[in-house]
Amino acid sequence: MQVRVDGFNYIGMGNSTNKKDAQTNAARDFVNYLVRVGEINAAEVPAIGVGPPAGDQLDGGAGEDGGFGNLPPSGPLPPHLVVKEEQGKS
């Protein structure tokens, strides 16, 4: 899945076993790009796993936990999170 926004020379990429999570990962990748280039402040980005307010879910979210495509703890980090982790170590 890809996210493109006019005016930005970047394509957010997201992969997953289902479309919803792939879209979420692509959007998250693009948002992290915006943070890296200083377009938005990292404090303005919701934490991973934090869902929209109750009753404000785009797809109804029946029976779901309201998270944004939480990744399994045993899996590898997506590229945008690897970059963020490496930046924190320097």
PDB file of N, CA and C in Angstrom:
ATOM      1  N   MET A   1       0.848  -1.164   0.000  1.00  0.00           N
ATOM      2  CA  MET A   1       0.000   0.000   0.000  1.00  0.00           C
ATOM      3  C   MET A   1       0.900   1.236   0.000  1.00  0.00           C
ATOM      4  N   GLN A   2       0.455   2.278  -0.672  1.00  0.00           N
ATOM      5  CA  GLN A   2       1.237   3.508  -0.766  1.00  0.00           C
ATOM      6  C   GLN A   2       0.373   4.715  -0.407  1.00  0.00           C
ATOM      7  N   VAL A   3       1.014   5.733   0.170  1.00  0.00           N
ATOM      8  CA  VAL A   3       0.364   7.013   0.436  1.00  0.00           C
ATOM      9  C   VAL A   3       1.189   8.087  -0.241  1.00  0.00           C
ATOM     10  N   ARG A   4       0.542   8.873  -1.086  1.00  0.00           N
ATOM     11  CA  ARG A   4       1.197  10.004  -1.750  1.00  0.00           C
ATOM     12  C   ARG A   4       0.402  11.262  -1.450  1.00  0.00           C
ATOM     13  N   VAL A   5       1.113  12.363  -1.230  1.00  0.00           N
ATOM     14  CA  VAL A   5       0.467  13.643  -0.950  1.00  0.00           C
ATOM     15  C   VAL A   5       1.100  14.681  -1.861  1.00  0.00           C
ATOM     16  N   ASP A   6       0.256  15.408  -2.607  1.00  0.00           N
ATOM     17  CA  ASP A   6       0.762  16.467  -3.474  1.00  0.00           C
ATOM     18  C   ASP A   6       1.592  17.455  -2.680  1.00  0.00           C
ATOM     19  N   GLY A   7       2.713  17.857  -3.242  1.00  0.00           N
ATOM     20  CA  GLY A   7       3.587  18.821  -2.586  1.00  0.00           C
ATOM     21  C   GLY A   7       4.710  18.186  -1.780  1.00  0.00           C
ATOM     22  N   PHE A   8       4.686  16.866  -1.629  1.00  0.00           N
ATOM     23  CA  PHE A   8       5.735  16.169  -0.887  1.00  0.00           C
ATOM     24  C   PHE A   8       6.370  15.119  -1.788  1.00  0.00           C
ATOM     25  N   ASN A   9       7.686  15.094  -1.815  1.00  0.00           N
ATOM     26  CA  ASN A   9       8.428  14.151  -2.636  1.00  0.00           C
ATOM     27  C   ASN A   9       8.744  12.895  -1.821  1.00  0.00           C
ATOM     28  N   TYR A  10       7.689  12.225  -1.352  1.00  0.00           N
ATOM     29  CA  TYR A  10       7.853  11.027  -0.539  1.00  0.00           C
ATOM     30  C   TYR A  10       6.629  10.143  -0.727  1.00  0.00           C
ATOM     31  N   ILE A  11       6.836   8.844  -0.708  1.00  0.00           N
ATOM     32  CA  ILE A  11       5.741   7.884  -0.795  1.00  0.00           C
ATOM     33  C   ILE A  11       5.771   7.040   0.469  1.00  0.00           C
ATOM     34  N   GLY A  12       4.725   7.121   1.258  1.00  0.00           N
ATOM     35  CA  GLY A  12       4.607   6.297   2.462  1.00  0.00           C
ATOM     36  C   GLY A  12       4.296   4.863   2.053  1.00  0.00           C
ATOM     37  N   MET A  13       5.019   3.907   2.615  1.00  0.00           N
ATOM     38  CA  MET A  13       4.841   2.500   2.253  1.00  0.00           C
ATOM     39  C   MET A  13       4.331   1.719   3.456  1.00  0.00           C
ATOM     40  N   GLY A  14       3.417   0.787   3.183  1.00  0.00           N
ATOM     41  CA  GLY A  14       2.904  -0.061   4.250  1.00  0.00           C
ATOM     42  C   GLY A  14       2.586  -1.451   3.739  1.00  0.00           C
ATOM     43  N   ASN A  15       3.016  -2.449   4.468  1.00  0.00           N
ATOM     44  CA  ASN A  15       2.733  -3.840   4.138  1.00  0.00           C
ATOM     45  C   ASN A  15       2.096  -4.513   5.338  1.00  0.00           C
ATOM     46  N   SER A  16       1.222  -5.465   5.065  1.00  0.00           N
ATOM     47  CA  SER A  16       0.611  -6.259   6.118  1.00  0.00           C
ATOM     48  C   SER A  16      -0.125  -7.419   5.476  1.00  0.00           C
ATOM     49  N   THR A  17      -0.662  -8.273   6.321  1.00  0.00           N
ATOM     50  CA  THR A  17      -1.429  -9.408   5.805  1.00  0.00           C
ATOM     51  C   THR A  17      -2.862  -9.012   5.483  1.00  0.00           C
ATOM     52  N   ASN A  18      -3.269  -7.786   5.859  1.00  0.00           N
ATOM     53  CA  ASN A  18      -4.607  -7.324   5.481  1.00  0.00           C
ATOM     54  C   ASN A  18      -4.548  -5.862   5.055  1.00  0.00           C
ATOM     55  N   LYS A  19      -5.535  -5.473   4.273  1.00  0.00           N
ATOM     56  CA  LYS A  19      -5.548  -4.143   3.661  1.00  0.00           C
ATOM     57  C   LYS A  19      -5.596  -3.014   4.696  1.00  0.00           C
ATOM     58  N   LYS A  20      -6.418  -3.184   5.714  1.00  0.00           N
ATOM     59  CA  LYS A  20      -6.560  -2.129   6.718  1.00  0.00           C
ATOM     60  C   LYS A  20      -5.234  -1.830   7.405  1.00  0.00           C
ATOM     61  N   ASP A  21      -4.528  -2.866   7.817  1.00  0.00           N
ATOM     62  CA  ASP A  21      -3.244  -2.658   8.482  1.00  0.00           C
ATOM     63  C   ASP A  21      -2.196  -2.112   7.528  1.00  0.00           C
ATOM     64  N   ALA A  22      -2.239  -2.525   6.260  1.00  0.00           N
ATOM     65  CA  ALA A  22      -1.303  -1.996   5.267  1.00  0.00           C
ATOM     66  C   ALA A  22      -1.532  -0.496   5.074  1.00  0.00           C
ATOM     67  N   GLN A  23      -2.793  -0.083   5.020  1.00  0.00           N
ATOM     68  CA  GLN A  23      -3.112   1.338   4.893  1.00  0.00           C
ATOM     69  C   GLN A  23      -2.626   2.117   6.114  1.00  0.00           C
ATOM     70  N   THR A  24      -2.861   1.554   7.282  1.00  0.00           N
ATOM     71  CA  THR A  24      -2.425   2.199   8.519  1.00  0.00           C
ATOM     72  C   THR A  24      -0.911   2.334   8.555  1.00  0.00           C
ATOM     73  N   ASN A  25      -0.204   1.285   8.171  1.00  0.00           N
ATOM     74  CA  ASN A  25       1.260   1.321   8.178  1.00  0.00           C
ATOM     75  C   ASN A  25       1.793   2.338   7.173  1.00  0.00           C
ATOM     76  N   ALA A  26       1.157   2.449   6.010  1.00  0.00           N
ATOM     77  CA  ALA A  26       1.581   3.437   5.014  1.00  0.00           C
ATOM     78  C   ALA A  26       1.358   4.855   5.540  1.00  0.00           C
ATOM     79  N   ALA A  27       0.209   5.081   6.164  1.00  0.00           N
ATOM     80  CA  ALA A  27      -0.068   6.402   6.735  1.00  0.00           C
ATOM     81  C   ALA A  27       0.916   6.727   7.844  1.00  0.00           C
ATOM     82  N   ARG A  28       1.208   5.742   8.689  1.00  0.00           N
ATOM     83  CA  ARG A  28       2.162   5.940   9.788  1.00  0.00           C
ATOM     84  C   ARG A  28       3.552   6.261   9.231  1.00  0.00           C
ATOM     85  N   ASP A  29       3.949   5.570   8.167  1.00  0.00           N
ATOM     86  CA  ASP A  29       5.240   5.829   7.533  1.00  0.00           C
ATOM     87  C   ASP A  29       5.296   7.268   7.029  1.00  0.00           C
ATOM     88  N   PHE A  30       4.205   7.741   6.393  1.00  0.00           N
ATOM     89  CA  PHE A  30       4.190   9.099   5.870  1.00  0.00           C
ATOM     90  C   PHE A  30       4.238  10.122   7.007  1.00  0.00           C
ATOM     91  N   VAL A  31       3.504   9.873   8.071  1.00  0.00           N
ATOM     92  CA  VAL A  31       3.518  10.790   9.222  1.00  0.00           C
ATOM     93  C   VAL A  31       4.910  10.854   9.831  1.00  0.00           C
ATOM     94  N   ASN A  32       5.572   9.703   9.945  1.00  0.00           N
ATOM     95  CA  ASN A  32       6.934   9.708  10.488  1.00  0.00           C
ATOM     96  C   ASN A  32       7.899  10.454   9.568  1.00  0.00           C
ATOM     97  N   TYR A  33       7.674  10.409   8.267  1.00  0.00           N
ATOM     98  CA  TYR A  33       8.465  11.212   7.333  1.00  0.00           C
ATOM     99  C   TYR A  33       8.261  12.703   7.641  1.00  0.00           C
ATOM    100  N   LEU A  34       7.002  13.095   7.841  1.00  0.00           N
ATOM    101  CA  LEU A  34       6.711  14.500   8.136  1.00  0.00           C
ATOM    102  C   LEU A  34       7.403  14.955   9.418  1.00  0.00           C
ATOM    103  N   VAL A  35       7.492  14.072  10.400  1.00  0.00           N
ATOM    104  CA  VAL A  35       8.203  14.388  11.640  1.00  0.00           C
ATOM    105  C   VAL A  35       9.697  14.536  11.353  1.00  0.00           C
ATOM    106  N   ARG A  36      10.259  13.603  10.571  1.00  0.00           N
ATOM    107  CA  ARG A  36      11.705  13.642  10.276  1.00  0.00           C
ATOM    108  C   ARG A  36      12.117  14.917   9.554  1.00  0.00           C
ATOM    109  N   VAL A  37      11.256  15.418   8.653  1.00  0.00           N
ATOM    110  CA  VAL A  37      11.622  16.624   7.900  1.00  0.00           C
ATOM    111  C   VAL A  37      11.167  17.904   8.594  1.00  0.00           C
ATOM    112  N   GLY A  38      10.567  17.774   9.790  1.00  0.00           N
ATOM    113  CA  GLY A  38      10.195  18.949  10.566  1.00  0.00           C
ATOM    114  C   GLY A  38       8.884  19.600  10.177  1.00  0.00           C
ATOM    115  N   GLU A  39       8.052  18.927   9.401  1.00  0.00           N
ATOM    116  CA  GLU A  39       6.759  19.496   9.014  1.00  0.00           C
ATOM    117  C   GLU A  39       5.767  19.466  10.175  1.00  0.00           C
ATOM    118  N   ILE A  40       5.886  18.446  11.033  1.00  0.00           N
ATOM    119  CA  ILE A  40       5.046  18.372  12.220  1.00  0.00           C
ATOM    120  C   ILE A  40       5.912  17.972  13.407  1.00  0.00           C
ATOM    121  N   ASN A  41       5.434  18.270  14.591  1.00  0.00           N
ATOM    122  CA  ASN A  41       6.149  17.947  15.821  1.00  0.00           C
ATOM    123  C   ASN A  41       5.795  16.527  16.247  1.00  0.00           C
ATOM    124  N   ALA A  42       6.766  15.762  16.693  1.00  0.00           N
ATOM    125  CA  ALA A  42       6.528  14.378  17.115  1.00  0.00           C
ATOM    126  C   ALA A  42       5.487  14.304  18.234  1.00  0.00           C
ATOM    127  N   ALA A  43       5.400  15.335  19.052  1.00  0.00           N
ATOM    128  CA  ALA A  43       4.433  15.346  20.146  1.00  0.00           C
ATOM    129  C   ALA A  43       2.993  15.406  19.632  1.00  0.00           C
ATOM    130  N   GLU A  44       2.808  15.828  18.384  1.00  0.00           N
ATOM    131  CA  GLU A  44       1.467  15.917  17.806  1.00  0.00           C
ATOM    132  C   GLU A  44       0.981  14.584  17.238  1.00  0.00           C
ATOM    133  N   VAL A  45       1.856  13.589  17.198  1.00  0.00           N
ATOM    134  CA  VAL A  45       1.511  12.287  16.623  1.00  0.00           C
ATOM    135  C   VAL A  45       1.030  11.367  17.737  1.00  0.00           C
ATOM    136  N   PRO A  46      -0.176  10.786  17.584  1.00  0.00           N
ATOM    137  CA  PRO A  46      -0.660   9.864  18.614  1.00  0.00           C
ATOM    138  C   PRO A  46       0.272   8.664  18.753  1.00  0.00           C
ATOM    139  N   ALA A  47       0.348   8.118  19.947  1.00  0.00           N
ATOM    140  CA  ALA A  47       1.186   6.950  20.194  1.00  0.00           C
ATOM    141  C   ALA A  47       0.644   5.747  19.435  1.00  0.00           C
ATOM    142  N   ILE A  48       1.527   4.820  19.089  1.00  0.00           N
ATOM    143  CA  ILE A  48       1.127   3.600  18.391  1.00  0.00           C
ATOM    144  C   ILE A  48       0.188   2.824  19.288  1.00  0.00           C
ATOM    145  N   GLY A  49      -0.906   2.353  18.692  1.00  0.00           N
ATOM    146  CA  GLY A  49      -1.877   1.577  19.436  1.00  0.00           C
ATOM    147  C   GLY A  49      -2.986   2.415  20.045  1.00  0.00           C
ATOM    148  N   VAL A  50      -2.909   3.730  19.916  1.00  0.00           N
ATOM    149  CA  VAL A  50      -3.956   4.596  20.433  1.00  0.00           C
ATOM    150  C   VAL A  50      -4.977   4.801  19.332  1.00  0.00           C
ATOM    151  N   GLY A  51      -6.195   4.461  19.595  1.00  0.00           N
ATOM    152  CA  GLY A  51      -7.255   4.557  18.599  1.00  0.00           C
ATOM    153  C   GLY A  51      -7.966   5.894  18.659  1.00  0.00           C
ATOM    154  N   PRO A  52      -8.873   6.116  17.711  1.00  0.00           N
ATOM    155  CA  PRO A  52      -9.674   7.345  17.724  1.00  0.00           C
ATOM    156  C   PRO A  52     -10.653   7.302  18.890  1.00  0.00           C
ATOM    157  N   PRO A  53     -11.197   8.439  19.281  1.00  0.00           N
ATOM    158  CA  PRO A  53     -12.162   8.449  20.386  1.00  0.00           C
ATOM    159  C   PRO A  53     -13.331   7.508  20.092  1.00  0.00           C
ATOM    160  N   ALA A  54     -13.922   6.949  21.134  1.00  0.00           N
ATOM    161  CA  ALA A  54     -15.041   6.019  20.960  1.00  0.00           C
ATOM    162  C   ALA A  54     -16.134   6.673  20.130  1.00  0.00           C
ATOM    163  N   GLY A  55     -16.707   5.904  19.207  1.00  0.00           N
ATOM    164  CA  GLY A  55     -17.760   6.416  18.342  1.00  0.00           C
ATOM    165  C   GLY A  55     -17.234   7.180  17.153  1.00  0.00           C
ATOM    166  N   ASP A  56     -15.925   7.332  17.023  1.00  0.00           N
ATOM    167  CA  ASP A  56     -15.337   8.102  15.930  1.00  0.00           C
ATOM    168  C   ASP A  56     -14.541   7.206  14.996  1.00  0.00           C
ATOM    169  N   GLN A  57     -14.812   5.899  14.992  1.00  0.00           N
ATOM    170  CA  GLN A  57     -14.065   4.978  14.154  1.00  0.00           C
ATOM    171  C   GLN A  57     -14.605   5.023  12.736  1.00  0.00           C
ATOM    172  N   LEU A  58     -13.708   5.028  11.764  1.00  0.00           N
ATOM    173  CA  LEU A  58     -14.090   5.154  10.367  1.00  0.00           C
ATOM    174  C   LEU A  58     -14.871   3.959   9.846  1.00  0.00           C
ATOM    175  N   ASP A  59     -14.537   2.753  10.278  1.00  0.00           N
ATOM    176  CA  ASP A  59     -15.178   1.564   9.723  1.00  0.00           C
ATOM    177  C   ASP A  59     -16.118   0.898  10.723  1.00  0.00           C
ATOM    178  N   GLY A  60     -16.507   1.591  11.755  1.00  0.00           N
ATOM    179  CA  GLY A  60     -17.392   1.006  12.745  1.00  0.00           C
ATOM    180  C   GLY A  60     -16.637   0.285  13.832  1.00  0.00           C
ATOM    181  N   GLY A  61     -15.615  -0.461  13.489  1.00  0.00           N
ATOM    182  CA  GLY A  61     -14.754  -1.116  14.447  1.00  0.00           C
ATOM    183  C   GLY A  61     -15.450  -2.119  15.345  1.00  0.00           C
ATOM    184  N   ALA A  62     -16.575  -2.695  14.901  1.00  0.00           N
ATOM    185  CA  ALA A  62     -17.304  -3.641  15.747  1.00  0.00           C
ATOM    186  C   ALA A  62     -16.413  -4.807  16.138  1.00  0.00           C
ATOM    187  N   GLY A  63     -16.299  -5.029  17.424  1.00  0.00           N
ATOM    188  CA  GLY A  63     -15.543  -6.165  17.921  1.00  0.00           C
ATOM    189  C   GLY A  63     -14.039  -5.981  17.884  1.00  0.00           C
ATOM    190  N   GLU A  64     -13.563  -4.791  17.553  1.00  0.00           N
ATOM    191  CA  GLU A  64     -12.122  -4.549  17.485  1.00  0.00           C
ATOM    192  C   GLU A  64     -11.682  -3.723  18.679  1.00  0.00           C
ATOM    193  N   ASP A  65     -10.385  -3.714  18.926  1.00  0.00           N
ATOM    194  CA  ASP A  65      -9.881  -2.995  20.091  1.00  0.00           C
ATOM    195  C   ASP A  65      -9.671  -1.516  19.836  1.00  0.00           C
ATOM    196  N   GLY A  66      -9.901  -1.036  18.617  1.00  0.00           N
ATOM    197  CA  GLY A  66      -9.753   0.373  18.307  1.00  0.00           C
ATOM    198  C   GLY A  66      -8.330   0.797  18.048  1.00  0.00           C
ATOM    199  N   GLY A  67      -7.358  -0.123  18.033  1.00  0.00           N
ATOM    200  CA  GLY A  67      -5.962   0.216  17.779  1.00  0.00           C
ATOM    201  C   GLY A  67      -5.706   0.479  16.320  1.00  0.00           C
ATOM    202  N   PHE A  68      -4.533   0.956  16.016  1.00  0.00           N
ATOM    203  CA  PHE A  68      -4.142   1.251  14.641  1.00  0.00           C
ATOM    204  C   PHE A  68      -3.181   0.196  14.133  1.00  0.00           C
ATOM    205  N   GLY A  69      -3.670  -0.997  13.869  1.00  0.00           N
ATOM    206  CA  GLY A  69      -2.825  -2.035  13.294  1.00  0.00           C
ATOM    207  C   GLY A  69      -1.650  -2.387  14.168  1.00  0.00           C
ATOM    208  N   ASN A  70      -1.887  -2.702  15.415  1.00  0.00           N
ATOM    209  CA  ASN A  70      -0.792  -3.052  16.322  1.00  0.00           C
ATOM    210  C   ASN A  70       0.040  -4.189  15.744  1.00  0.00           C
ATOM    211  N   LEU A  71       1.329  -4.048  15.844  1.00  0.00           N
ATOM    212  CA  LEU A  71       2.240  -5.063  15.340  1.00  0.00           C
ATOM    213  C   LEU A  71       2.524  -6.083  16.427  1.00  0.00           C
ATOM    214  N   PRO A  72       2.699  -7.344  16.046  1.00  0.00           N
ATOM    215  CA  PRO A  72       3.032  -8.344  17.065  1.00  0.00           C
ATOM    216  C   PRO A  72       4.394  -8.034  17.668  1.00  0.00           C
ATOM    217  N   PRO A  73       4.555  -8.227  18.979  1.00  0.00           N
ATOM    218  CA  PRO A  73       5.808  -7.874  19.631  1.00  0.00           C
ATOM    219  C   PRO A  73       6.999  -8.700  19.166  1.00  0.00           C
ATOM    220  N   SER A  74       6.753  -9.889  18.611  1.00  0.00           N
ATOM    221  CA  SER A  74       7.865 -10.746  18.196  1.00  0.00           C
ATOM    222  C   SER A  74       8.338 -10.457  16.774  1.00  0.00           C
ATOM    223  N   GLY A  75       7.608  -9.643  16.024  1.00  0.00           N
ATOM    224  CA  GLY A  75       7.962  -9.382  14.622  1.00  0.00           C
ATOM    225  C   GLY A  75       9.001  -8.289  14.486  1.00  0.00           C
ATOM    226  N   PRO A  76       9.584  -8.169  13.278  1.00  0.00           N
ATOM    227  CA  PRO A  76      10.569  -7.106  13.043  1.00  0.00           C
ATOM    228  C   PRO A  76       9.879  -5.745  12.978  1.00  0.00           C
ATOM    229  N   LEU A  77      10.618  -4.703  13.323  1.00  0.00           N
ATOM    230  CA  LEU A  77      10.087  -3.347  13.253  1.00  0.00           C
ATOM    231  C   LEU A  77       9.989  -2.896  11.799  1.00  0.00           C
ATOM    232  N   PRO A  78       8.950  -2.118  11.446  1.00  0.00           N
ATOM    233  CA  PRO A  78       8.882  -1.541  10.105  1.00  0.00           C
ATOM    234  C   PRO A  78       9.996  -0.508   9.942  1.00  0.00           C
ATOM    235  N   PRO A  79      10.374  -0.215   8.688  1.00  0.00           N
ATOM    236  CA  PRO A  79      11.522   0.675   8.437  1.00  0.00           C
ATOM    237  C   PRO A  79      11.434   2.022   9.148  1.00  0.00           C
ATOM    238  N   HIS A  80      10.255   2.634   9.197  1.00  0.00           N
ATOM    239  CA  HIS A  80      10.157   3.951   9.821  1.00  0.00           C
ATOM    240  C   HIS A  80      10.411   3.886  11.327  1.00  0.00           C
ATOM    241  N   LEU A  81      10.082   2.754  11.960  1.00  0.00           N
ATOM    242  CA  LEU A  81      10.361   2.623  13.386  1.00  0.00           C
ATOM    243  C   LEU A  81      11.811   2.286  13.647  1.00  0.00           C
ATOM    244  N   VAL A  82      12.450   1.580  12.708  1.00  0.00           N
ATOM    245  CA  VAL A  82      13.876   1.274  12.836  1.00  0.00           C
ATOM    246  C   VAL A  82      14.665   2.585  12.800  1.00  0.00           C
ATOM    247  N   VAL A  83      14.299   3.481  11.886  1.00  0.00           N
ATOM    248  CA  VAL A  83      14.973   4.774  11.773  1.00  0.00           C
ATOM    249  C   VAL A  83      14.802   5.558  13.071  1.00  0.00           C
ATOM    250  N   LYS A  84      13.574   5.565  13.616  1.00  0.00           N
ATOM    251  CA  LYS A  84      13.300   6.295  14.844  1.00  0.00           C
ATOM    252  C   LYS A  84      14.130   5.719  16.005  1.00  0.00           C
ATOM    253  N   GLU A  85      14.221   4.379  16.084  1.00  0.00           N
ATOM    254  CA  GLU A  85      14.998   3.735  17.149  1.00  0.00           C
ATOM    255  C   GLU A  85      16.475   4.061  17.020  1.00  0.00           C
ATOM    256  N   GLU A  86      16.996   4.068  15.786  1.00  0.00           N
ATOM    257  CA  GLU A  86      18.417   4.374  15.565  1.00  0.00           C
ATOM    258  C   GLU A  86      18.705   5.828  15.944  1.00  0.00           C
ATOM    259  N   GLN A  87      17.789   6.731  15.657  1.00  0.00           N
ATOM    260  CA  GLN A  87      17.986   8.136  16.000  1.00  0.00           C
ATOM    261  C   GLN A  87      18.047   8.318  17.518  1.00  0.00           C
ATOM    262  N   GLY A  88      17.270   7.518  18.248  1.00  0.00           N
ATOM    263  CA  GLY A  88      17.262   7.610  19.705  1.00  0.00           C
ATOM    264  C   GLY A  88      18.545   7.125  20.330  1.00  0.00           C
ATOM    265  N   LYS A  89      19.314   6.263  19.633  1.00  0.00           N
ATOM    266  CA  LYS A  89      20.564   5.729  20.162  1.00  0.00           C
ATOM    267  C   LYS A  89      21.754   6.644  19.948  1.00  0.00           C
ATOM    268  N   SER A  90      21.610   7.633  19.053  1.00  0.00           N
ATOM    269  CA  SER A  90      22.779   8.486  18.768  1.00  0.00           C
ATOM    270  C   SER A  90      22.934   9.612  19.742  1.00  0.00           C
TER     271      SER A  90
END
